[in-house]
């Protein structure tokens, strides 16, 4: 039973929580990182892990960079 003094953000069945798309930027970064980490396997050191995370952040920024609007 949930505490009535707490807010309930998700009033959905637990079985469909993984199907709900999140717009949280940090969650999206970590989901991308987990995918890449699974592809790579093991990191030899902390710097290589941080490098992969940095590249994910840079790629995401480039994908969503809209540039300046047209001056008409």
PDB file of N, CA and C in Angstrom:
ATOM      1  N   UNK A   1       0.837  -1.179   0.000  1.00  0.00           N
ATOM      2  CA  UNK A   1       0.000   0.000   0.000  1.00  0.00           C
ATOM      3  C   UNK A   1       0.880   1.240   0.000  1.00  0.00           C
ATOM      4  N   UNK A   2       0.493   2.240  -0.794  1.00  0.00           N
ATOM      5  CA  UNK A   2       1.292   3.457  -0.878  1.00  0.00           C
ATOM      6  C   UNK A   2       0.909   4.437   0.216  1.00  0.00           C
ATOM      7  N   UNK A   3       1.859   5.257   0.544  1.00  0.00           N
ATOM      8  CA  UNK A   3       1.657   6.292   1.550  1.00  0.00           C
ATOM      9  C   UNK A   3       0.765   7.385   0.962  1.00  0.00           C
ATOM     10  N   UNK A   4      -0.353   7.729   1.595  1.00  0.00           N
ATOM     11  CA  UNK A   4      -1.263   8.739   1.038  1.00  0.00           C
ATOM     12  C   UNK A   4      -0.662  10.141   0.992  1.00  0.00           C
ATOM     13  N   UNK A   5       0.409  10.384   1.749  1.00  0.00           N
ATOM     14  CA  UNK A   5       1.026  11.707   1.729  1.00  0.00           C
ATOM     15  C   UNK A   5       1.995  11.874   0.560  1.00  0.00           C
ATOM     16  N   UNK A   6       2.267  10.796  -0.166  1.00  0.00           N
ATOM     17  CA  UNK A   6       3.170  10.849  -1.320  1.00  0.00           C
ATOM     18  C   UNK A   6       2.374  11.003  -2.613  1.00  0.00           C
ATOM     19  N   UNK A   7       2.980  11.698  -3.560  1.00  0.00           N
ATOM     20  CA  UNK A   7       2.341  11.846  -4.859  1.00  0.00           C
ATOM     21  C   UNK A   7       2.523  10.568  -5.670  1.00  0.00           C
ATOM     22  N   UNK A   8       1.522  10.220  -6.427  1.00  0.00           N
ATOM     23  CA  UNK A   8       1.599   9.055  -7.291  1.00  0.00           C
ATOM     24  C   UNK A   8       1.668   9.558  -8.729  1.00  0.00           C
ATOM     25  N   UNK A   9       2.878   9.552  -9.321  1.00  0.00           N
ATOM     26  CA  UNK A   9       3.055  10.076 -10.662  1.00  0.00           C
ATOM     27  C   UNK A   9       2.568   9.109 -11.734  1.00  0.00           C
ATOM     28  N   UNK A  10       2.715   7.827 -11.484  1.00  0.00           N
ATOM     29  CA  UNK A  10       2.329   6.826 -12.472  1.00  0.00           C
ATOM     30  C   UNK A  10       1.197   5.979 -11.926  1.00  0.00           C
ATOM     31  N   UNK A  11       0.010   6.217 -12.408  1.00  0.00           N
ATOM     32  CA  UNK A  11      -1.138   5.422 -11.990  1.00  0.00           C
ATOM     33  C   UNK A  11      -1.431   4.374 -13.054  1.00  0.00           C
ATOM     34  N   UNK A  12      -0.365   3.755 -13.577  1.00  0.00           N
ATOM     35  CA  UNK A  12      -0.496   2.739 -14.607  1.00  0.00           C
ATOM     36  C   UNK A  12      -0.136   1.380 -14.029  1.00  0.00           C
ATOM     37  N   UNK A  13      -0.576   0.340 -14.701  1.00  0.00           N
ATOM     38  CA  UNK A  13      -0.215  -1.011 -14.305  1.00  0.00           C
ATOM     39  C   UNK A  13       1.298  -1.183 -14.417  1.00  0.00           C
ATOM     40  N   UNK A  14       1.906  -1.834 -13.451  1.00  0.00           N
ATOM     41  CA  UNK A  14       3.358  -2.005 -13.439  1.00  0.00           C
ATOM     42  C   UNK A  14       3.885  -2.724 -14.668  1.00  0.00           C
ATOM     43  N   UNK A  15       3.085  -3.554 -15.268  1.00  0.00           N
ATOM     44  CA  UNK A  15       3.532  -4.326 -16.432  1.00  0.00           C
ATOM     45  C   UNK A  15       3.816  -3.436 -17.639  1.00  0.00           C
ATOM     46  N   UNK A  16       3.216  -2.258 -17.695  1.00  0.00           N
ATOM     47  CA  UNK A  16       3.435  -1.396 -18.854  1.00  0.00           C
ATOM     48  C   UNK A  16       4.380  -0.221 -18.583  1.00  0.00           C
ATOM     49  N   UNK A  17       4.970  -0.142 -17.415  1.00  0.00           N
ATOM     50  CA  UNK A  17       5.894   0.955 -17.104  1.00  0.00           C
ATOM     51  C   UNK A  17       7.050   1.020 -18.098  1.00  0.00           C
ATOM     52  N   UNK A  18       7.587  -0.120 -18.513  1.00  0.00           N
ATOM     53  CA  UNK A  18       8.727  -0.119 -19.435  1.00  0.00           C
ATOM     54  C   UNK A  18       8.317   0.334 -20.831  1.00  0.00           C
ATOM     55  N   UNK A  19       7.042   0.326 -21.139  1.00  0.00           N
ATOM     56  CA  UNK A  19       6.571   0.738 -22.460  1.00  0.00           C
ATOM     57  C   UNK A  19       6.294   2.232 -22.551  1.00  0.00           C
ATOM     58  N   UNK A  20       6.273   2.920 -21.415  1.00  0.00           N
ATOM     59  CA  UNK A  20       5.976   4.349 -21.388  1.00  0.00           C
ATOM     60  C   UNK A  20       7.255   5.111 -21.723  1.00  0.00           C
ATOM     61  N   UNK A  21       7.182   5.914 -22.762  1.00  0.00           N
ATOM     62  CA  UNK A  21       8.355   6.665 -23.199  1.00  0.00           C
ATOM     63  C   UNK A  21       8.612   7.839 -22.261  1.00  0.00           C
ATOM     64  N   UNK A  22       9.850   7.984 -21.866  1.00  0.00           N
ATOM     65  CA  UNK A  22      10.227   9.063 -20.966  1.00  0.00           C
ATOM     66  C   UNK A  22      10.835  10.213 -21.754  1.00  0.00           C
ATOM     67  N   UNK A  23      10.577  11.411 -21.327  1.00  0.00           N
ATOM     68  CA  UNK A  23      11.200  12.570 -21.951  1.00  0.00           C
ATOM     69  C   UNK A  23      12.313  13.120 -21.069  1.00  0.00           C
ATOM     70  N   UNK A  24      12.634  12.424 -20.014  1.00  0.00           N
ATOM     71  CA  UNK A  24      13.670  12.875 -19.111  1.00  0.00           C
ATOM     72  C   UNK A  24      15.027  12.719 -19.792  1.00  0.00           C
ATOM     73  N   UNK A  25      15.739  13.824 -19.965  1.00  0.00           N
ATOM     74  CA  UNK A  25      17.008  13.835 -20.675  1.00  0.00           C
ATOM     75  C   UNK A  25      18.044  12.918 -20.023  1.00  0.00           C
ATOM     76  N   UNK A  26      18.145  12.967 -18.716  1.00  0.00           N
ATOM     77  CA  UNK A  26      19.121  12.143 -18.020  1.00  0.00           C
ATOM     78  C   UNK A  26      18.819  10.660 -18.192  1.00  0.00           C
ATOM     79  N   UNK A  27      17.550  10.294 -18.114  1.00  0.00           N
ATOM     80  CA  UNK A  27      17.173   8.895 -18.323  1.00  0.00           C
ATOM     81  C   UNK A  27      17.523   8.450 -19.734  1.00  0.00           C
ATOM     82  N   UNK A  28      17.308   9.333 -20.711  1.00  0.00           N
ATOM     83  CA  UNK A  28      17.629   8.991 -22.091  1.00  0.00           C
ATOM     84  C   UNK A  28      19.132   8.786 -22.263  1.00  0.00           C
ATOM     85  N   UNK A  29      19.959   9.637 -21.632  1.00  0.00           N
ATOM     86  CA  UNK A  29      21.414   9.463 -21.704  1.00  0.00           C
ATOM     87  C   UNK A  29      21.835   8.119 -21.123  1.00  0.00           C
ATOM     88  N   UNK A  30      21.307   7.789 -19.955  1.00  0.00           N
ATOM     89  CA  UNK A  30      21.714   6.531 -19.330  1.00  0.00           C
ATOM     90  C   UNK A  30      21.214   5.320 -20.103  1.00  0.00           C
ATOM     91  N   UNK A  31      20.044   5.425 -20.736  1.00  0.00           N
ATOM     92  CA  UNK A  31      19.553   4.321 -21.570  1.00  0.00           C
ATOM     93  C   UNK A  31      20.489   4.118 -22.756  1.00  0.00           C
ATOM     94  N   UNK A  32      20.918   5.221 -23.401  1.00  0.00           N
ATOM     95  CA  UNK A  32      21.879   5.143 -24.502  1.00  0.00           C
ATOM     96  C   UNK A  32      23.201   4.550 -24.018  1.00  0.00           C
ATOM     97  N   UNK A  33      23.636   4.994 -22.841  1.00  0.00           N
ATOM     98  CA  UNK A  33      24.903   4.496 -22.306  1.00  0.00           C
ATOM     99  C   UNK A  33      24.831   2.997 -22.028  1.00  0.00           C
ATOM    100  N   UNK A  34      23.727   2.550 -21.432  1.00  0.00           N
ATOM    101  CA  UNK A  34      23.587   1.113 -21.159  1.00  0.00           C
ATOM    102  C   UNK A  34      23.627   0.301 -22.449  1.00  0.00           C
ATOM    103  N   UNK A  35      22.997   0.819 -23.500  1.00  0.00           N
ATOM    104  CA  UNK A  35      23.011   0.128 -24.786  1.00  0.00           C
ATOM    105  C   UNK A  35      24.431   0.018 -25.315  1.00  0.00           C
ATOM    106  N   UNK A  36      25.175   1.120 -25.295  1.00  0.00           N
ATOM    107  CA  UNK A  36      26.559   1.105 -25.780  1.00  0.00           C
ATOM    108  C   UNK A  36      27.445   0.243 -24.888  1.00  0.00           C
ATOM    109  N   UNK A  37      27.242   0.307 -23.590  1.00  0.00           N
ATOM    110  CA  UNK A  37      28.050  -0.498 -22.675  1.00  0.00           C
ATOM    111  C   UNK A  37      27.811  -1.985 -22.907  1.00  0.00           C
ATOM    112  N   UNK A  38      26.585  -2.361 -23.220  1.00  0.00           N
ATOM    113  CA  UNK A  38      26.298  -3.765 -23.526  1.00  0.00           C
ATOM    114  C   UNK A  38      26.979  -4.190 -24.818  1.00  0.00           C
ATOM    115  N   UNK A  39      27.047  -3.292 -25.799  1.00  0.00           N
ATOM    116  CA  UNK A  39      27.728  -3.598 -27.055  1.00  0.00           C
ATOM    117  C   UNK A  39      29.229  -3.755 -26.841  1.00  0.00           C
ATOM    118  N   UNK A  40      29.810  -2.870 -26.029  1.00  0.00           N
ATOM    119  CA  UNK A  40      31.263  -2.885 -25.807  1.00  0.00           C
ATOM    120  C   UNK A  40      31.671  -4.042 -24.911  1.00  0.00           C
ATOM    121  N   UNK A  41      30.899  -4.298 -23.891  1.00  0.00           N
ATOM    122  CA  UNK A  41      31.240  -5.370 -22.945  1.00  0.00           C
ATOM    123  C   UNK A  41      31.806  -4.791 -21.671  1.00  0.00           C
ATOM    124  N   UNK A  42      33.114  -4.846 -21.520  1.00  0.00           N
ATOM    125  CA  UNK A  42      33.770  -4.339 -20.306  1.00  0.00           C
ATOM    126  C   UNK A  42      34.681  -3.178 -20.667  1.00  0.00           C
ATOM    127  N   UNK A  43      34.772  -2.206 -19.776  1.00  0.00           N
ATOM    128  CA  UNK A  43      35.659  -1.067 -19.986  1.00  0.00           C
ATOM    129  C   UNK A  43      36.987  -1.350 -19.290  1.00  0.00           C
ATOM    130  N   UNK A  44      38.109  -1.061 -19.951  1.00  0.00           N
ATOM    131  CA  UNK A  44      39.406  -1.326 -19.323  1.00  0.00           C
ATOM    132  C   UNK A  44      39.724  -0.384 -18.168  1.00  0.00           C
ATOM    133  N   UNK A  45      39.155   0.837 -18.196  1.00  0.00           N
ATOM    134  CA  UNK A  45      39.411   1.787 -17.115  1.00  0.00           C
ATOM    135  C   UNK A  45      38.286   2.824 -17.069  1.00  0.00           C
ATOM    136  N   UNK A  46      38.335   3.691 -16.074  1.00  0.00           N
ATOM    137  CA  UNK A  46      37.288   4.681 -15.878  1.00  0.00           C
ATOM    138  C   UNK A  46      37.258   5.711 -17.008  1.00  0.00           C
ATOM    139  N   UNK A  47      38.427   6.067 -17.524  1.00  0.00           N
ATOM    140  CA  UNK A  47      38.497   7.067 -18.580  1.00  0.00           C
ATOM    141  C   UNK A  47      37.774   6.598 -19.845  1.00  0.00           C
ATOM    142  N   UNK A  48      37.902   5.330 -20.179  1.00  0.00           N
ATOM    143  CA  UNK A  48      37.211   4.835 -21.372  1.00  0.00           C
ATOM    144  C   UNK A  48      35.691   4.869 -21.186  1.00  0.00           C
ATOM    145  N   UNK A  49      35.245   4.610 -19.982  1.00  0.00           N
ATOM    146  CA  UNK A  49      33.821   4.678 -19.667  1.00  0.00           C
ATOM    147  C   UNK A  49      33.319   6.120 -19.797  1.00  0.00           C
ATOM    148  N   UNK A  50      34.064   7.066 -19.260  1.00  0.00           N
ATOM    149  CA  UNK A  50      33.684   8.473 -19.350  1.00  0.00           C
ATOM    150  C   UNK A  50      33.730   8.979 -20.785  1.00  0.00           C
ATOM    151  N   UNK A  51      34.662   8.463 -21.577  1.00  0.00           N
ATOM    152  CA  UNK A  51      34.764   8.850 -22.982  1.00  0.00           C
ATOM    153  C   UNK A  51      33.515   8.439 -23.739  1.00  0.00           C
ATOM    154  N   UNK A  52      33.037   7.244 -23.515  1.00  0.00           N
ATOM    155  CA  UNK A  52      31.822   6.773 -24.183  1.00  0.00           C
ATOM    156  C   UNK A  52      30.633   7.646 -23.773  1.00  0.00           C
ATOM    157  N   UNK A  53      30.521   7.959 -22.487  1.00  0.00           N
ATOM    158  CA  UNK A  53      29.420   8.803 -22.035  1.00  0.00           C
ATOM    159  C   UNK A  53      29.506  10.190 -22.665  1.00  0.00           C
ATOM    160  N   UNK A  54      30.707  10.739 -22.741  1.00  0.00           N
ATOM    161  CA  UNK A  54      30.901  12.054 -23.358  1.00  0.00           C
ATOM    162  C   UNK A  54      30.480  12.028 -24.829  1.00  0.00           C
ATOM    163  N   UNK A  55      30.852  10.989 -25.547  1.00  0.00           N
ATOM    164  CA  UNK A  55      30.485  10.889 -26.953  1.00  0.00           C
ATOM    165  C   UNK A  55      28.973  10.792 -27.135  1.00  0.00           C
ATOM    166  N   UNK A  56      28.300  10.128 -26.217  1.00  0.00           N
ATOM    167  CA  UNK A  56      26.837  10.041 -26.272  1.00  0.00           C
ATOM    168  C   UNK A  56      26.226  11.425 -26.062  1.00  0.00           C
ATOM    169  N   UNK A  57      26.753  12.180 -25.127  1.00  0.00           N
ATOM    170  CA  UNK A  57      26.246  13.535 -24.863  1.00  0.00           C
ATOM    171  C   UNK A  57      26.483  14.430 -26.073  1.00  0.00           C
ATOM    172  N   UNK A  58      27.681  14.363 -26.663  1.00  0.00           N
ATOM    173  CA  UNK A  58      27.998  15.192 -27.832  1.00  0.00           C
ATOM    174  C   UNK A  58      27.097  14.824 -29.006  1.00  0.00           C
ATOM    175  N   UNK A  59      26.892  13.531 -29.250  1.00  0.00           N
ATOM    176  CA  UNK A  59      26.040  13.100 -30.351  1.00  0.00           C
ATOM    177  C   UNK A  59      24.594  13.558 -30.139  1.00  0.00           C
ATOM    178  N   UNK A  60      24.106  13.440 -28.919  1.00  0.00           N
ATOM    179  CA  UNK A  60      22.741  13.864 -28.641  1.00  0.00           C
ATOM    180  C   UNK A  60      22.592  15.369 -28.850  1.00  0.00           C
ATOM    181  N   UNK A  61      23.592  16.121 -28.419  1.00  0.00           N
ATOM    182  CA  UNK A  61      23.552  17.575 -28.605  1.00  0.00           C
ATOM    183  C   UNK A  61      23.536  17.919 -30.094  1.00  0.00           C
ATOM    184  N   UNK A  62      24.344  17.218 -30.891  1.00  0.00           N
ATOM    185  CA  UNK A  62      24.390  17.474 -32.330  1.00  0.00           C
ATOM    186  C   UNK A  62      23.067  17.099 -32.999  1.00  0.00           C
ATOM    187  N   UNK A  63      22.430  16.038 -32.533  1.00  0.00           N
ATOM    188  CA  UNK A  63      21.159  15.618 -33.113  1.00  0.00           C
ATOM    189  C   UNK A  63      20.046  16.627 -32.841  1.00  0.00           C
ATOM    190  N   UNK A  64      20.112  17.303 -31.712  1.00  0.00           N
ATOM    191  CA  UNK A  64      19.022  18.208 -31.330  1.00  0.00           C
ATOM    192  C   UNK A  64      19.376  19.672 -31.495  1.00  0.00           C
ATOM    193  N   UNK A  65      20.511  19.939 -32.125  1.00  0.00           N
ATOM    194  CA  UNK A  65      20.924  21.325 -32.354  1.00  0.00           C
ATOM    195  C   UNK A  65      20.125  21.859 -33.531  1.00  0.00           C
ATOM    196  N   UNK A  66      19.249  22.774 -33.282  1.00  0.00           N
ATOM    197  CA  UNK A  66      18.367  23.291 -34.309  1.00  0.00           C
ATOM    198  C   UNK A  66      18.999  24.454 -35.085  1.00  0.00           C
ATOM    199  N   UNK A  67      20.019  25.047 -34.539  1.00  0.00           N
ATOM    200  CA  UNK A  67      20.640  26.185 -35.205  1.00  0.00           C
ATOM    201  C   UNK A  67      19.790  27.443 -35.057  1.00  0.00           C
ATOM    202  N   UNK A  68      20.228  28.511 -35.672  1.00  0.00           N
ATOM    203  CA  UNK A  68      19.511  29.791 -35.592  1.00  0.00           C
ATOM    204  C   UNK A  68      18.338  29.780 -36.564  1.00  0.00           C
ATOM    205  N   UNK A  69      17.239  30.411 -36.179  1.00  0.00           N
ATOM    206  CA  UNK A  69      16.096  30.491 -37.111  1.00  0.00           C
ATOM    207  C   UNK A  69      16.415  31.393 -38.291  1.00  0.00           C
ATOM    208  N   UNK A  70      15.739  31.166 -39.407  1.00  0.00           N
ATOM    209  CA  UNK A  70      15.943  31.987 -40.613  1.00  0.00           C
ATOM    210  C   UNK A  70      15.491  33.419 -40.367  1.00  0.00           C
ATOM    211  N   UNK A  71      16.237  34.368 -40.897  1.00  0.00           N
ATOM    212  CA  UNK A  71      15.894  35.778 -40.721  1.00  0.00           C
ATOM    213  C   UNK A  71      15.169  36.244 -41.967  1.00  0.00           C
ATOM    214  N   UNK A  72      13.849  36.174 -41.932  1.00  0.00           N
ATOM    215  CA  UNK A  72      13.055  36.603 -43.106  1.00  0.00           C
ATOM    216  C   UNK A  72      12.195  37.788 -42.776  1.00  0.00           C
TER     217      UNK A  72
END
